[in-house]
């Protein structure tokens, strides 16, 4: 089987609002109020919890790795408690997933979000069963951009890791696909969309309606 593997945050879904809310819980506990704003910091949010804490503390002139380590579990707890209030899938994403499955591709997710939180989010949004495999940041001893999580996702889908394509939104995804020796498609509708062309992926995606055709061109079942 040939497979299509998606990143989650910033690729399939805009989760920045709930991530930033969780980070701001931490900053309020520190006595600083809300430090991050979804209107300007969505790109920061989609780089993960530690990145949000680092940016916020730097903005406050208080950057300290020990404080990041201290509050990261607090952030995860706050996020788990309110994981899907503001999160939603990008237009056409789920339709593209279903179309790919109809065409015969295995479809899974490889994310640097902790696996339990990714599973919780997908279930809260009612779409966990749409994906045949889920590999998170802590599923294996390594995480993206190491290629092994991508390869493992393909294997769990019953596919050949050399016959997959990664759909993502960052240099992490681009570097993962390059390390695995497979194609990447980077979406341009996320907060960092204007930066994707410079990463020279095999394809750019401006609209999910075009994804099945892009995948067919890259790893067509009959090629």
C-alpha atoms as a PDB file:
ATOM      1  CA  UNK A   1       0.000   0.000   0.000  1.00  0.00           C
ATOM      2  CA  UNK A   2       1.095   3.562  -0.720  1.00  0.00           C
ATOM      3  CA  UNK A   3       0.474   5.982   2.087  1.00  0.00           C
ATOM      4  CA  UNK A   4      -0.161   9.643   2.777  1.00  0.00           C
ATOM      5  CA  UNK A   5       1.012  10.853   6.180  1.00  0.00           C
ATOM      6  CA  UNK A   6      -0.130  14.177   7.608  1.00  0.00           C
ATOM      7  CA  UNK A   7       1.313  16.430  10.238  1.00  0.00           C
ATOM      8  CA  UNK A   8      -1.486  17.594  12.559  1.00  0.00           C
ATOM      9  CA  UNK A   9      -1.056  21.101  13.984  1.00  0.00           C
ATOM     10  CA  UNK A  10      -0.954  23.736  11.259  1.00  0.00           C
ATOM     11  CA  UNK A  11      -1.414  21.154   8.511  1.00  0.00           C
ATOM     12  CA  UNK A  12      -4.706  19.368   9.060  1.00  0.00           C
ATOM     13  CA  UNK A  13      -6.055  21.659  11.738  1.00  0.00           C
ATOM     14  CA  UNK A  14      -5.607  25.132  13.150  1.00  0.00           C
ATOM     15  CA  UNK A  15      -5.044  24.401  16.831  1.00  0.00           C
ATOM     16  CA  UNK A  16      -3.298  27.667  17.689  1.00  0.00           C
ATOM     17  CA  UNK A  17      -6.134  29.147  19.766  1.00  0.00           C
ATOM     18  CA  UNK A  18      -6.251  26.308  22.272  1.00  0.00           C
ATOM     19  CA  UNK A  19      -2.459  26.028  22.414  1.00  0.00           C
ATOM     20  CA  UNK A  20      -2.044  29.732  23.142  1.00  0.00           C
ATOM     21  CA  UNK A  21      -4.774  29.596  25.786  1.00  0.00           C
ATOM     22  CA  UNK A  22      -2.847  26.817  27.546  1.00  0.00           C
ATOM     23  CA  UNK A  23       0.398  28.776  27.397  1.00  0.00           C
ATOM     24  CA  UNK A  24      -1.315  31.829  28.834  1.00  0.00           C
ATOM     25  CA  UNK A  25      -2.507  29.742  31.780  1.00  0.00           C
ATOM     26  CA  UNK A  26       1.195  29.305  32.569  1.00  0.00           C
ATOM     27  CA  UNK A  27       2.015  32.982  32.188  1.00  0.00           C
ATOM     28  CA  UNK A  28      -0.895  33.950  34.420  1.00  0.00           C
ATOM     29  CA  UNK A  29       0.380  31.544  37.069  1.00  0.00           C
ATOM     30  CA  UNK A  30       3.728  33.309  36.807  1.00  0.00           C
ATOM     31  CA  UNK A  31       1.932  36.585  37.500  1.00  0.00           C
ATOM     32  CA  UNK A  32       2.231  38.112  34.023  1.00  0.00           C
ATOM     33  CA  UNK A  33      -1.244  37.856  32.520  1.00  0.00           C
ATOM     34  CA  UNK A  34      -1.723  36.786  28.905  1.00  0.00           C
ATOM     35  CA  UNK A  35       1.578  37.112  27.056  1.00  0.00           C
ATOM     36  CA  UNK A  36       0.745  35.422  23.739  1.00  0.00           C
ATOM     37  CA  UNK A  37      -1.977  36.529  21.317  1.00  0.00           C
ATOM     38  CA  UNK A  38      -3.510  34.204  18.734  1.00  0.00           C
ATOM     39  CA  UNK A  39      -3.679  37.046  16.203  1.00  0.00           C
ATOM     40  CA  UNK A  40       0.098  37.459  16.142  1.00  0.00           C
ATOM     41  CA  UNK A  41       1.515  34.287  17.691  1.00  0.00           C
ATOM     42  CA  UNK A  42      -0.277  31.485  15.842  1.00  0.00           C
ATOM     43  CA  UNK A  43       2.956  30.502  14.128  1.00  0.00           C
ATOM     44  CA  UNK A  44       4.686  30.261  17.504  1.00  0.00           C
ATOM     45  CA  UNK A  45       1.902  28.083  18.884  1.00  0.00           C
ATOM     46  CA  UNK A  46       2.196  25.585  16.066  1.00  0.00           C
ATOM     47  CA  UNK A  47       5.864  25.014  16.946  1.00  0.00           C
ATOM     48  CA  UNK A  48       4.829  23.428  20.242  1.00  0.00           C
ATOM     49  CA  UNK A  49       4.516  24.048  23.938  1.00  0.00           C
ATOM     50  CA  UNK A  50       8.166  24.597  24.779  1.00  0.00           C
ATOM     51  CA  UNK A  51       8.476  27.070  21.934  1.00  0.00           C
ATOM     52  CA  UNK A  52       5.522  29.072  23.261  1.00  0.00           C
ATOM     53  CA  UNK A  53       7.002  29.200  26.744  1.00  0.00           C
ATOM     54  CA  UNK A  54      10.411  30.171  25.378  1.00  0.00           C
ATOM     55  CA  UNK A  55       9.024  32.986  23.228  1.00  0.00           C
ATOM     56  CA  UNK A  56       6.817  34.282  26.024  1.00  0.00           C
ATOM     57  CA  UNK A  57       9.585  34.275  28.618  1.00  0.00           C
ATOM     58  CA  UNK A  58      11.984  35.936  26.172  1.00  0.00           C
ATOM     59  CA  UNK A  59       9.374  38.615  25.522  1.00  0.00           C
ATOM     60  CA  UNK A  60       9.168  39.184  29.259  1.00  0.00           C
ATOM     61  CA  UNK A  61      12.962  39.320  29.606  1.00  0.00           C
ATOM     62  CA  UNK A  62      12.783  36.258  31.843  1.00  0.00           C
ATOM     63  CA  UNK A  63      13.980  33.427  29.633  1.00  0.00           C
ATOM     64  CA  UNK A  64      15.169  30.567  31.825  1.00  0.00           C
ATOM     65  CA  UNK A  65      15.270  26.965  30.645  1.00  0.00           C
ATOM     66  CA  UNK A  66      14.473  25.791  34.154  1.00  0.00           C
ATOM     67  CA  UNK A  67      11.221  27.784  34.079  1.00  0.00           C
ATOM     68  CA  UNK A  68      10.350  26.226  30.709  1.00  0.00           C
ATOM     69  CA  UNK A  69      10.939  22.777  32.220  1.00  0.00           C
ATOM     70  CA  UNK A  70       8.867  23.692  35.285  1.00  0.00           C
ATOM     71  CA  UNK A  71       5.842  24.965  33.394  1.00  0.00           C
ATOM     72  CA  UNK A  72       5.786  22.593  30.434  1.00  0.00           C
ATOM     73  CA  UNK A  73       3.789  19.964  32.403  1.00  0.00           C
ATOM     74  CA  UNK A  74       1.442  22.750  33.548  1.00  0.00           C
ATOM     75  CA  UNK A  75       0.898  23.727  29.932  1.00  0.00           C
ATOM     76  CA  UNK A  76       0.164  20.134  28.921  1.00  0.00           C
ATOM     77  CA  UNK A  77      -2.347  19.751  31.740  1.00  0.00           C
ATOM     78  CA  UNK A  78      -4.084  23.009  30.818  1.00  0.00           C
ATOM     79  CA  UNK A  79      -4.186  22.028  27.161  1.00  0.00           C
ATOM     80  CA  UNK A  80      -5.624  18.594  27.920  1.00  0.00           C
ATOM     81  CA  UNK A  81      -8.334  20.204  30.066  1.00  0.00           C
ATOM     82  CA  UNK A  82      -9.488  22.455  27.181  1.00  0.00           C
ATOM     83  CA  UNK A  83      -8.177  20.946  23.967  1.00  0.00           C
ATOM     84  CA  UNK A  84     -10.766  21.641  21.286  1.00  0.00           C
ATOM     85  CA  UNK A  85     -12.647  24.845  22.078  1.00  0.00           C
ATOM     86  CA  UNK A  86     -11.034  26.868  19.284  1.00  0.00           C
ATOM     87  CA  UNK A  87      -9.521  24.142  17.088  1.00  0.00           C
ATOM     88  CA  UNK A  88     -10.907  23.218  13.685  1.00  0.00           C
ATOM     89  CA  UNK A  89      -9.835  21.460  10.513  1.00  0.00           C
ATOM     90  CA  UNK A  90      -8.766  23.533   7.551  1.00  0.00           C
ATOM     91  CA  UNK A  91     -11.387  23.756   4.789  1.00  0.00           C
ATOM     92  CA  UNK A  92     -11.480  20.619   2.682  1.00  0.00           C
ATOM     93  CA  UNK A  93      -8.984  18.681   4.811  1.00  0.00           C
ATOM     94  CA  UNK A  94     -11.287  15.874   5.866  1.00  0.00           C
ATOM     95  CA  UNK A  95     -12.821  15.633   2.409  1.00  0.00           C
ATOM     96  CA  UNK A  96      -9.310  15.199   0.971  1.00  0.00           C
ATOM     97  CA  UNK A  97      -8.558  12.487   3.526  1.00  0.00           C
ATOM     98  CA  UNK A  98     -11.663  10.553   2.558  1.00  0.00           C
ATOM     99  CA  UNK A  99     -10.946  10.962  -1.137  1.00  0.00           C
ATOM    100  CA  UNK A 100      -7.418   9.608  -0.689  1.00  0.00           C
ATOM    101  CA  UNK A 101      -8.790   6.583   1.139  1.00  0.00           C
ATOM    102  CA  UNK A 102     -11.311   6.001  -1.652  1.00  0.00           C
ATOM    103  CA  UNK A 103      -8.438   6.061  -4.136  1.00  0.00           C
ATOM    104  CA  UNK A 104      -6.693   3.302  -2.190  1.00  0.00           C
ATOM    105  CA  UNK A 105      -4.116   5.151  -0.100  1.00  0.00           C
ATOM    106  CA  UNK A 106      -3.483   4.474   3.561  1.00  0.00           C
ATOM    107  CA  UNK A 107      -3.828   7.706   5.552  1.00  0.00           C
ATOM    108  CA  UNK A 108      -2.214   8.443   8.909  1.00  0.00           C
ATOM    109  CA  UNK A 109      -0.818  11.172  11.135  1.00  0.00           C
ATOM    110  CA  UNK A 110       2.759  11.761  12.276  1.00  0.00           C
ATOM    111  CA  UNK A 111       2.955  14.647  14.725  1.00  0.00           C
ATOM    112  CA  UNK A 112       5.299  16.136  17.303  1.00  0.00           C
ATOM    113  CA  UNK A 113       2.352  16.552  19.653  1.00  0.00           C
ATOM    114  CA  UNK A 114       2.420  13.920  22.433  1.00  0.00           C
ATOM    115  CA  UNK A 115       0.492  10.892  21.181  1.00  0.00           C
ATOM    116  CA  UNK A 116      -2.107  10.918  23.962  1.00  0.00           C
ATOM    117  CA  UNK A 117      -2.935  14.570  23.333  1.00  0.00           C
ATOM    118  CA  UNK A 118      -3.129  14.039  19.578  1.00  0.00           C
ATOM    119  CA  UNK A 119      -5.470  11.106  20.132  1.00  0.00           C
ATOM    120  CA  UNK A 120      -7.553  13.157  22.577  1.00  0.00           C
ATOM    121  CA  UNK A 121      -7.838  16.040  20.116  1.00  0.00           C
ATOM    122  CA  UNK A 122      -8.868  13.811  17.216  1.00  0.00           C
ATOM    123  CA  UNK A 123     -11.482  12.126  19.378  1.00  0.00           C
ATOM    124  CA  UNK A 124     -12.783  15.474  20.649  1.00  0.00           C
ATOM    125  CA  UNK A 125     -13.187  16.573  17.034  1.00  0.00           C
ATOM    126  CA  UNK A 126     -14.877  13.264  16.183  1.00  0.00           C
ATOM    127  CA  UNK A 127     -12.390  12.109  13.542  1.00  0.00           C
ATOM    128  CA  UNK A 128     -10.026   9.601  15.177  1.00  0.00           C
ATOM    129  CA  UNK A 129     -11.399   6.750  13.085  1.00  0.00           C
ATOM    130  CA  UNK A 130     -10.612   8.620   9.856  1.00  0.00           C
ATOM    131  CA  UNK A 131      -6.901   7.880  10.304  1.00  0.00           C
ATOM    132  CA  UNK A 132      -5.436   4.402  10.184  1.00  0.00           C
ATOM    133  CA  UNK A 133      -2.346   5.219  12.239  1.00  0.00           C
ATOM    134  CA  UNK A 134      -1.163   7.875  14.677  1.00  0.00           C
ATOM    135  CA  UNK A 135       2.453   8.386  15.737  1.00  0.00           C
ATOM    136  CA  UNK A 136       3.216  11.184  18.187  1.00  0.00           C
ATOM    137  CA  UNK A 137       6.271  12.844  19.650  1.00  0.00           C
ATOM    138  CA  UNK A 138       6.635  10.206  22.366  1.00  0.00           C
ATOM    139  CA  UNK A 139       5.482   7.096  20.478  1.00  0.00           C
ATOM    140  CA  UNK A 140       9.086   6.218  19.620  1.00  0.00           C
ATOM    141  CA  UNK A 141      12.378   7.197  21.277  1.00  0.00           C
ATOM    142  CA  UNK A 142      12.871   9.765  18.475  1.00  0.00           C
ATOM    143  CA  UNK A 143      10.638  12.417  16.917  1.00  0.00           C
ATOM    144  CA  UNK A 144      10.538  14.415  13.679  1.00  0.00           C
ATOM    145  CA  UNK A 145      12.780  15.460  11.933  1.00  0.00           C
ATOM    146  CA  UNK A 146      14.197  11.991  12.562  1.00  0.00           C
ATOM    147  CA  UNK A 147      12.688   9.933   9.721  1.00  0.00           C
ATOM    148  CA  UNK A 148      11.739   6.928  11.848  1.00  0.00           C
ATOM    149  CA  UNK A 149       8.343   8.252  13.071  1.00  0.00           C
ATOM    150  CA  UNK A 150       7.317   8.848   9.458  1.00  0.00           C
ATOM    151  CA  UNK A 151       8.475   5.388   8.445  1.00  0.00           C
ATOM    152  CA  UNK A 152       6.699   3.829  11.427  1.00  0.00           C
ATOM    153  CA  UNK A 153       3.454   5.581  10.500  1.00  0.00           C
ATOM    154  CA  UNK A 154       3.673   4.132   6.994  1.00  0.00           C
ATOM    155  CA  UNK A 155       4.385   0.675   8.378  1.00  0.00           C
ATOM    156  CA  UNK A 156       1.421   0.855  10.780  1.00  0.00           C
ATOM    157  CA  UNK A 157      -0.755   1.662   7.772  1.00  0.00           C
ATOM    158  CA  UNK A 158       0.480  -1.500   6.069  1.00  0.00           C
ATOM    159  CA  UNK A 159       2.553   0.497   3.621  1.00  0.00           C
ATOM    160  CA  UNK A 160       6.082   0.672   2.278  1.00  0.00           C
ATOM    161  CA  UNK A 161       7.934   3.578   3.992  1.00  0.00           C
ATOM    162  CA  UNK A 162       9.627   4.331   0.664  1.00  0.00           C
ATOM    163  CA  UNK A 163       6.244   4.851  -1.003  1.00  0.00           C
ATOM    164  CA  UNK A 164       4.753   7.551   1.152  1.00  0.00           C
ATOM    165  CA  UNK A 165       4.363  11.320   1.031  1.00  0.00           C
ATOM    166  CA  UNK A 166       4.386  13.673   4.019  1.00  0.00           C
ATOM    167  CA  UNK A 167       1.949  16.584   4.139  1.00  0.00           C
ATOM    168  CA  UNK A 168       3.265  19.288   6.479  1.00  0.00           C
ATOM    169  CA  UNK A 169       3.703  22.953   7.251  1.00  0.00           C
ATOM    170  CA  UNK A 170       7.241  23.487   8.501  1.00  0.00           C
ATOM    171  CA  UNK A 171      10.941  22.982   8.044  1.00  0.00           C
ATOM    172  CA  UNK A 172      10.618  20.084  10.496  1.00  0.00           C
ATOM    173  CA  UNK A 173       8.325  18.283   8.078  1.00  0.00           C
ATOM    174  CA  UNK A 174      10.512  19.133   5.098  1.00  0.00           C
ATOM    175  CA  UNK A 175      13.610  17.846   6.880  1.00  0.00           C
ATOM    176  CA  UNK A 176      11.765  14.694   7.939  1.00  0.00           C
ATOM    177  CA  UNK A 177      10.758  13.828   4.392  1.00  0.00           C
ATOM    178  CA  UNK A 178      14.249  14.600   3.106  1.00  0.00           C
ATOM    179  CA  UNK A 179      15.825  12.342   5.740  1.00  0.00           C
ATOM    180  CA  UNK A 180      13.391   9.579   4.814  1.00  0.00           C
ATOM    181  CA  UNK A 181      14.059  10.013   1.108  1.00  0.00           C
ATOM    182  CA  UNK A 182      10.402  10.653   0.244  1.00  0.00           C
ATOM    183  CA  UNK A 183       8.355  13.532  -1.118  1.00  0.00           C
ATOM    184  CA  UNK A 184       6.857  16.307   0.947  1.00  0.00           C
ATOM    185  CA  UNK A 185       3.918  18.600   0.259  1.00  0.00           C
ATOM    186  CA  UNK A 186       3.855  21.799   2.320  1.00  0.00           C
ATOM    187  CA  UNK A 187       0.633  23.733   2.879  1.00  0.00           C
ATOM    188  CA  UNK A 188       0.606  27.472   2.279  1.00  0.00           C
ATOM    189  CA  UNK A 189      -2.533  28.401   4.237  1.00  0.00           C
ATOM    190  CA  UNK A 190      -1.034  28.145   7.731  1.00  0.00           C
ATOM    191  CA  UNK A 191       0.559  31.022   9.657  1.00  0.00           C
ATOM    192  CA  UNK A 192       3.958  30.397   8.017  1.00  0.00           C
ATOM    193  CA  UNK A 193       2.593  29.679   4.569  1.00  0.00           C
ATOM    194  CA  UNK A 194       4.575  32.371   2.833  1.00  0.00           C
ATOM    195  CA  UNK A 195       7.808  30.705   3.968  1.00  0.00           C
ATOM    196  CA  UNK A 196       7.092  27.263   2.529  1.00  0.00           C
ATOM    197  CA  UNK A 197       8.321  27.829  -1.032  1.00  0.00           C
ATOM    198  CA  UNK A 198      11.847  28.553   0.218  1.00  0.00           C
ATOM    199  CA  UNK A 199      11.986  25.031   1.688  1.00  0.00           C
ATOM    200  CA  UNK A 200      11.717  23.603  -1.839  1.00  0.00           C
ATOM    201  CA  UNK A 201       9.240  20.777  -1.209  1.00  0.00           C
ATOM    202  CA  UNK A 202       8.175  18.529  -4.047  1.00  0.00           C
ATOM    203  CA  UNK A 203       4.862  20.406  -4.062  1.00  0.00           C
ATOM    204  CA  UNK A 204       3.073  23.300  -2.415  1.00  0.00           C
ATOM    205  CA  UNK A 205      -0.596  22.972  -1.475  1.00  0.00           C
ATOM    206  CA  UNK A 206      -2.823  26.041  -1.582  1.00  0.00           C
ATOM    207  CA  UNK A 207      -6.184  24.240  -1.346  1.00  0.00           C
ATOM    208  CA  UNK A 208      -7.024  20.785  -0.025  1.00  0.00           C
ATOM    209  CA  UNK A 209      -9.226  20.137  -3.052  1.00  0.00           C
ATOM    210  CA  UNK A 210      -6.038  19.754  -5.085  1.00  0.00           C
ATOM    211  CA  UNK A 211      -4.338  17.258  -2.769  1.00  0.00           C
ATOM    212  CA  UNK A 212      -5.540  13.971  -4.312  1.00  0.00           C
ATOM    213  CA  UNK A 213      -4.210  15.065  -7.698  1.00  0.00           C
ATOM    214  CA  UNK A 214      -0.902  16.172  -6.180  1.00  0.00           C
ATOM    215  CA  UNK A 215      -0.495  12.827  -4.397  1.00  0.00           C
ATOM    216  CA  UNK A 216      -1.336  10.904  -7.555  1.00  0.00           C
ATOM    217  CA  UNK A 217       1.364  12.819  -9.403  1.00  0.00           C
ATOM    218  CA  UNK A 218       3.956  12.103  -6.699  1.00  0.00           C
ATOM    219  CA  UNK A 219       3.217   8.508  -5.708  1.00  0.00           C
ATOM    220  CA  UNK A 220       0.404   7.409  -7.990  1.00  0.00           C
ATOM    221  CA  UNK A 221      -0.833   3.894  -7.389  1.00  0.00           C
ATOM    222  CA  UNK A 222      -0.192   3.006 -10.992  1.00  0.00           C
ATOM    223  CA  UNK A 223       3.288   4.532 -11.229  1.00  0.00           C
END
